[in-house]
């Protein structure tokens, strides 16, 4: 068995343990995902996850959190996110009020006060590094952030430490499980990739997608699940702008149940009413050209 890295307290005993405990949360994992999760936990290495939107990248972090009884700390990346939102910032207004309230004192004495924990506002990266309990750090959609932000992540992902000039370096006593997700809208730096394990999550095969539907949509019949998965598979093979995600397959199943499709006698024969498909395609396809293409290919329009 692989020896854990310093500061790592593994949550999983093996790949089979990952599979079972993720399944218990409702996340139906494949072997590659379970293996990568186990290694990220055991080796204390960040896991970079790429794949189409809606295949369960973010949901994996939630499932790991639930499976390990941890705290989920999420850094949602976006264009323009800066160091203050990712690492920490000082409560300047409170610092000024404190200086005014305590009157004239030597600067060294005042500085020791205003740069204490009382005035520090930890953001997700610092919260995860300084947490005493088990945590899962999700750096979500890292490809949406500016390239400069990747530099901020390198110290965290290399040493699990953050340097605060006014206080010193904060080093994790207990490393978080770190997951980074990307939709590959831009190429990430080699320096960032080098510090991570890598996992690509693609759309599931029909068998696993049926398992996911059975787990997430109570009351869904096997016949309706099979028909939904078949149609979604056809849609994903089309030349469309946005292929249906697993999350949208689940939404479509719930939609059809809400409309009474699950009790339709036609489903028992493995068929779904074409009119109902046409009326509800907007649940899984969100662009007008995609709808037009799908209606034509499915011979619904």
Protein backbone atom coordinates (compact mmCIF):
# COMPACT_ATOMS: atom_id res chain seq x y z
CA UNK A 1 0.00 0.00 0.00
CA UNK A 2 1.28 3.48 -0.88
CA UNK A 3 2.60 5.44 2.10
CA UNK A 4 0.68 8.72 2.57
CA UNK A 5 2.55 11.98 2.00
CA UNK A 6 3.44 14.11 5.07
CA UNK A 7 0.37 15.90 6.40
CA UNK A 8 -1.97 13.51 4.56
CA UNK A 9 -4.55 11.57 6.53
CA UNK A 10 -6.16 9.34 3.89
CA UNK A 11 -9.94 9.07 3.89
CA UNK A 12 -10.17 5.99 1.65
CA UNK A 13 -8.64 2.55 2.10
CA UNK A 14 -8.65 1.61 -1.59
CA UNK A 15 -10.31 2.03 -4.96
CA UNK A 16 -13.17 -0.32 -4.06
CA UNK A 17 -13.78 1.75 -0.93
CA UNK A 18 -14.02 4.88 -3.11
CA UNK A 19 -16.49 3.20 -5.47
CA UNK A 20 -18.70 2.00 -2.63
CA UNK A 21 -18.70 5.22 -0.63
CA UNK A 22 -19.31 7.44 -3.64
CA UNK A 23 -22.17 5.17 -4.70
CA UNK A 24 -23.65 5.52 -1.22
CA UNK A 25 -23.89 9.28 -1.82
CA UNK A 26 -25.64 8.73 -5.16
CA UNK A 27 -22.55 9.34 -7.32
CA UNK A 28 -22.06 6.43 -9.73
CA UNK A 29 -18.35 6.44 -10.50
CA UNK A 30 -16.38 4.55 -13.11
CA UNK A 31 -13.09 2.83 -12.27
CA UNK A 32 -10.90 5.62 -13.67
CA UNK A 33 -12.63 8.26 -11.55
CA UNK A 34 -12.45 6.10 -8.43
CA UNK A 35 -8.76 5.36 -9.01
CA UNK A 36 -7.90 9.04 -9.52
CA UNK A 37 -9.86 9.99 -6.41
CA UNK A 38 -8.04 7.37 -4.35
CA UNK A 39 -4.62 8.54 -5.57
CA UNK A 40 -5.42 12.21 -4.96
CA UNK A 41 -6.42 11.33 -1.41
CA UNK A 42 -3.56 8.91 -0.72
CA UNK A 43 -0.74 10.93 -2.32
CA UNK A 44 -2.00 14.34 -1.28
CA UNK A 45 -1.91 15.52 -4.90
CA UNK A 46 -4.41 17.94 -6.46
CA UNK A 47 -6.67 16.36 -9.09
CA UNK A 48 -7.32 18.33 -12.27
CA UNK A 49 -10.58 17.21 -13.88
CA UNK A 50 -11.55 18.14 -17.43
CA UNK A 51 -14.55 17.18 -19.52
CA UNK A 52 -17.74 18.55 -21.07
CA UNK A 53 -20.00 20.68 -18.91
CA UNK A 54 -22.47 18.72 -16.85
CA UNK A 55 -20.73 15.33 -16.67
CA UNK A 56 -20.28 15.43 -12.89
CA UNK A 57 -16.96 17.21 -12.28
CA UNK A 58 -18.27 19.53 -9.58
CA UNK A 59 -20.63 16.85 -8.32
CA UNK A 60 -17.64 14.59 -7.68
CA UNK A 61 -16.28 17.12 -5.17
CA UNK A 62 -19.64 17.19 -3.39
CA UNK A 63 -19.76 13.39 -3.34
CA UNK A 64 -16.23 13.10 -1.91
CA UNK A 65 -17.18 15.66 0.73
CA UNK A 66 -20.23 13.65 1.75
CA UNK A 67 -18.38 10.32 1.59
CA UNK A 68 -15.57 11.53 3.87
CA UNK A 69 -17.68 13.65 6.24
CA UNK A 70 -15.57 16.66 5.28
CA UNK A 71 -16.20 20.37 4.79
CA UNK A 72 -16.47 21.58 1.19
CA UNK A 73 -14.61 24.83 0.52
CA UNK A 74 -15.23 26.16 -2.97
CA UNK A 75 -13.33 28.75 -4.97
CA UNK A 76 -15.51 29.62 -7.94
CA UNK A 77 -13.25 31.06 -10.63
CA UNK A 78 -14.33 33.77 -13.05
CA UNK A 79 -12.74 36.36 -15.29
CA UNK A 80 -11.24 39.08 -13.12
CA UNK A 81 -10.98 37.13 -9.87
CA UNK A 82 -8.02 38.46 -7.90
CA UNK A 83 -5.77 37.55 -4.97
CA UNK A 84 -8.07 39.15 -2.41
CA UNK A 85 -10.99 36.92 -3.47
CA UNK A 86 -8.89 33.76 -3.71
CA UNK A 87 -6.42 33.99 -0.80
CA UNK A 88 -7.24 36.60 1.82
CA UNK A 89 -7.64 40.30 2.45
CA UNK A 90 -7.39 42.64 5.40
CA UNK A 91 -10.44 44.35 6.86
CA UNK A 92 -9.16 47.87 6.24
CA UNK A 93 -12.22 49.65 7.60
CA UNK A 94 -11.96 47.76 10.89
CA UNK A 95 -8.21 48.41 11.05
CA UNK A 96 -8.74 52.16 10.68
CA UNK A 97 -11.46 52.20 13.34
CA UNK A 98 -9.18 50.28 15.71
CA UNK A 99 -6.32 52.74 15.21
CA UNK A 100 -8.65 55.68 15.80
CA UNK A 101 -10.14 54.09 18.92
CA UNK A 102 -6.81 53.25 20.55
CA UNK A 103 -5.30 56.70 20.07
CA UNK A 104 -1.68 57.59 19.41
CA UNK A 105 0.71 54.69 19.92
CA UNK A 106 4.02 53.59 18.51
CA UNK A 107 3.60 52.18 15.01
CA UNK A 108 5.20 48.85 15.91
CA UNK A 109 2.64 48.34 18.66
CA UNK A 110 -0.29 49.37 16.45
CA UNK A 111 0.97 47.19 13.60
CA UNK A 112 1.05 44.10 15.81
CA UNK A 113 -2.61 44.71 16.61
CA UNK A 114 -4.07 45.48 13.20
CA UNK A 115 -2.28 42.64 11.43
CA UNK A 116 -3.65 40.00 13.79
CA UNK A 117 -6.21 37.31 13.00
CA UNK A 118 -8.99 39.59 14.22
CA UNK A 119 -8.60 41.74 11.12
CA UNK A 120 -7.86 38.98 8.60
CA UNK A 121 -10.56 37.92 6.15
CA UNK A 122 -9.64 34.43 4.91
CA UNK A 123 -10.90 33.49 1.46
CA UNK A 124 -11.30 29.91 0.15
CA UNK A 125 -7.61 29.03 -0.34
CA UNK A 126 -6.53 30.25 3.09
CA UNK A 127 -9.61 28.68 4.73
CA UNK A 128 -8.72 25.30 3.25
CA UNK A 129 -5.05 25.53 4.19
CA UNK A 130 -5.70 26.60 7.77
CA UNK A 131 -8.62 24.27 8.51
CA UNK A 132 -8.05 21.82 11.34
CA UNK A 133 -10.63 19.28 10.18
CA UNK A 134 -10.97 17.26 7.01
CA UNK A 135 -11.73 19.46 4.00
CA UNK A 136 -12.29 19.19 0.27
CA UNK A 137 -11.06 22.23 -1.67
CA UNK A 138 -12.85 22.68 -4.99
CA UNK A 139 -11.24 25.16 -7.39
CA UNK A 140 -14.10 25.26 -9.87
CA UNK A 141 -13.77 26.24 -13.54
CA UNK A 142 -10.15 27.31 -13.18
CA UNK A 143 -9.96 27.89 -16.94
CA UNK A 144 -12.28 30.90 -16.55
CA UNK A 145 -9.76 32.75 -14.39
CA UNK A 146 -6.99 34.89 -15.82
CA UNK A 147 -3.60 33.26 -16.38
CA UNK A 148 -2.10 35.31 -13.52
CA UNK A 149 -4.31 33.51 -11.02
CA UNK A 150 -2.55 30.25 -11.81
CA UNK A 151 0.60 31.74 -10.28
CA UNK A 152 -1.26 32.25 -7.01
CA UNK A 153 -2.22 28.59 -6.98
CA UNK A 154 1.30 27.23 -7.43
CA UNK A 155 2.45 27.78 -3.83
CA UNK A 156 -0.77 26.29 -2.52
CA UNK A 157 -0.64 23.25 -4.78
CA UNK A 158 3.11 22.66 -4.36
CA UNK A 159 3.64 23.20 -0.64
CA UNK A 160 0.09 23.51 0.71
CA UNK A 161 1.18 26.81 2.18
CA UNK A 162 0.28 30.48 1.83
CA UNK A 163 2.63 33.35 2.63
CA UNK A 164 1.11 36.41 4.30
CA UNK A 165 3.81 39.12 4.35
CA UNK A 166 2.51 40.70 7.57
CA UNK A 167 2.24 37.38 9.44
CA UNK A 168 4.47 34.76 7.82
CA UNK A 169 3.71 31.46 6.12
CA UNK A 170 0.62 29.42 6.95
CA UNK A 171 1.26 25.73 6.26
CA UNK A 172 -1.45 23.10 6.24
CA UNK A 173 -1.31 20.76 9.21
CA UNK A 174 -3.85 18.54 7.47
CA UNK A 175 -3.88 18.68 3.69
CA UNK A 176 -7.24 19.11 2.01
CA UNK A 177 -8.32 16.91 -0.86
CA UNK A 178 -7.98 19.33 -3.78
CA UNK A 179 -9.99 19.14 -7.00
CA UNK A 180 -9.66 21.59 -9.88
CA UNK A 181 -12.25 21.52 -12.65
CA UNK A 182 -11.93 22.85 -16.18
CA UNK A 183 -14.15 22.93 -19.24
CA UNK A 184 -11.00 23.48 -21.36
CA UNK A 185 -12.04 26.91 -22.62
CA UNK A 186 -8.34 27.78 -22.56
CA UNK A 187 -5.11 25.84 -22.13
CA UNK A 188 -3.82 25.72 -18.56
CA UNK A 189 -0.13 26.28 -17.86
CA UNK A 190 2.28 23.36 -17.76
CA UNK A 191 3.42 24.48 -14.30
CA UNK A 192 -0.10 24.05 -12.96
CA UNK A 193 -0.65 20.72 -14.72
CA UNK A 194 2.67 19.39 -13.43
CA UNK A 195 1.46 19.73 -9.85
CA UNK A 196 -1.73 17.78 -10.48
CA UNK A 197 -3.00 14.34 -11.27
CA UNK A 198 -5.23 14.39 -14.34
CA UNK A 199 -8.67 12.94 -15.00
CA UNK A 200 -10.92 13.34 -18.02
CA UNK A 201 -14.60 12.65 -17.39
CA UNK A 202 -16.57 12.03 -20.57
CA UNK A 203 -20.25 11.33 -21.06
CA UNK A 204 -21.09 7.97 -19.47
CA UNK A 205 -21.97 4.91 -21.50
CA UNK A 206 -25.62 3.84 -21.65
CA UNK A 207 -25.36 1.32 -18.83
CA UNK A 208 -23.84 3.78 -16.35
CA UNK A 209 -26.17 6.59 -17.37
CA UNK A 210 -29.13 4.31 -16.61
CA UNK A 211 -27.57 3.60 -13.20
CA UNK A 212 -27.23 7.34 -12.60
CA UNK A 213 -30.88 7.91 -13.53
CA UNK A 214 -32.00 5.10 -11.22
CA UNK A 215 -30.00 6.65 -8.39
CA UNK A 216 -31.10 10.26 -8.94
CA UNK A 217 -34.71 9.90 -10.16
CA UNK A 218 -36.81 7.75 -7.84
CA UNK A 219 -39.84 6.22 -9.52
CA UNK A 220 -38.32 6.15 -12.98
CA UNK A 221 -39.17 2.90 -14.74
CA UNK A 222 -36.46 0.88 -16.42
CA UNK A 223 -38.25 1.19 -19.76
CA UNK A 224 -38.44 4.99 -19.56
CA UNK A 225 -34.81 5.21 -18.43
CA UNK A 226 -33.71 3.07 -21.38
CA UNK A 227 -35.66 5.19 -23.85
CA UNK A 228 -34.32 8.45 -22.41
CA UNK A 229 -30.74 7.23 -22.50
CA UNK A 230 -31.20 6.04 -26.10
CA UNK A 231 -32.57 9.42 -27.25
CA UNK A 232 -29.90 11.39 -25.39
CA UNK A 233 -27.27 9.19 -27.02
CA UNK A 234 -28.68 10.06 -30.44
CA UNK A 235 -28.62 13.78 -29.57
CA UNK A 236 -24.99 13.62 -28.46
CA UNK A 237 -24.02 12.12 -31.82
CA UNK A 238 -25.52 15.09 -33.70
CA UNK A 239 -23.51 18.06 -34.91
CA UNK A 240 -24.93 20.52 -32.37
CA UNK A 241 -23.50 23.38 -30.35
CA UNK A 242 -24.14 21.99 -26.85
CA UNK A 243 -24.52 18.26 -26.29
CA UNK A 244 -26.90 17.23 -23.48
CA UNK A 245 -25.18 16.76 -20.14
CA UNK A 246 -25.88 14.08 -17.56
CA UNK A 247 -27.46 16.75 -15.39
CA UNK A 248 -29.84 17.58 -18.24
CA UNK A 249 -30.70 13.91 -18.72
CA UNK A 250 -31.72 13.85 -15.05
CA UNK A 251 -33.75 17.05 -15.52
CA UNK A 252 -35.49 15.53 -18.54
CA UNK A 253 -36.36 12.38 -16.61
CA UNK A 254 -37.90 14.47 -13.81
CA UNK A 255 -39.76 16.55 -16.39
CA UNK A 256 -41.29 13.53 -18.07
CA UNK A 257 -42.31 12.04 -14.74
CA UNK A 258 -43.94 15.34 -13.76
CA UNK A 259 -45.92 15.20 -17.02
CA UNK A 260 -47.06 11.64 -16.32
CA UNK A 261 -44.89 9.90 -18.91
CA UNK A 262 -43.90 7.23 -16.44
CA UNK A 263 -47.45 5.90 -16.34
CA UNK A 264 -47.93 5.92 -20.12
CA UNK A 265 -48.71 2.43 -21.39
CA UNK A 266 -46.51 3.09 -24.42
CA UNK A 267 -43.45 3.15 -22.16
CA UNK A 268 -44.06 -0.47 -21.26
CA UNK A 269 -43.40 -1.25 -24.88
CA UNK A 270 -40.24 0.87 -24.85
CA UNK A 271 -41.68 3.86 -26.72
CA UNK A 272 -42.01 7.51 -25.79
CA UNK A 273 -44.64 9.73 -27.39
CA UNK A 274 -43.02 11.81 -30.14
CA UNK A 275 -45.16 14.83 -29.32
CA UNK A 276 -43.99 14.75 -25.71
CA UNK A 277 -40.36 14.52 -26.83
CA UNK A 278 -40.80 17.53 -29.11
CA UNK A 279 -42.49 19.60 -26.39
CA UNK A 280 -39.82 18.91 -23.80
CA UNK A 281 -36.60 18.98 -25.85
CA UNK A 282 -35.91 22.44 -24.43
CA UNK A 283 -34.98 20.77 -21.16
CA UNK A 284 -31.86 19.23 -22.74
CA UNK A 285 -31.13 21.51 -25.72
CA UNK A 286 -30.69 25.24 -25.08
CA UNK A 287 -29.91 26.67 -28.52
CA UNK A 288 -32.47 27.16 -31.30
CA UNK A 289 -30.29 25.68 -34.09
CA UNK A 290 -29.73 22.61 -31.89
CA UNK A 291 -33.49 22.20 -31.45
CA UNK A 292 -34.05 22.52 -35.20
CA UNK A 293 -31.38 19.91 -35.95
CA UNK A 294 -32.72 17.52 -33.31
CA UNK A 295 -36.34 17.80 -34.45
CA UNK A 296 -35.25 17.06 -38.02
CA UNK A 297 -32.99 14.12 -37.14
CA UNK A 298 -35.51 12.59 -34.75
CA UNK A 299 -38.22 13.17 -37.37
CA UNK A 300 -40.35 15.16 -34.93
CA UNK A 301 -40.84 18.31 -36.98
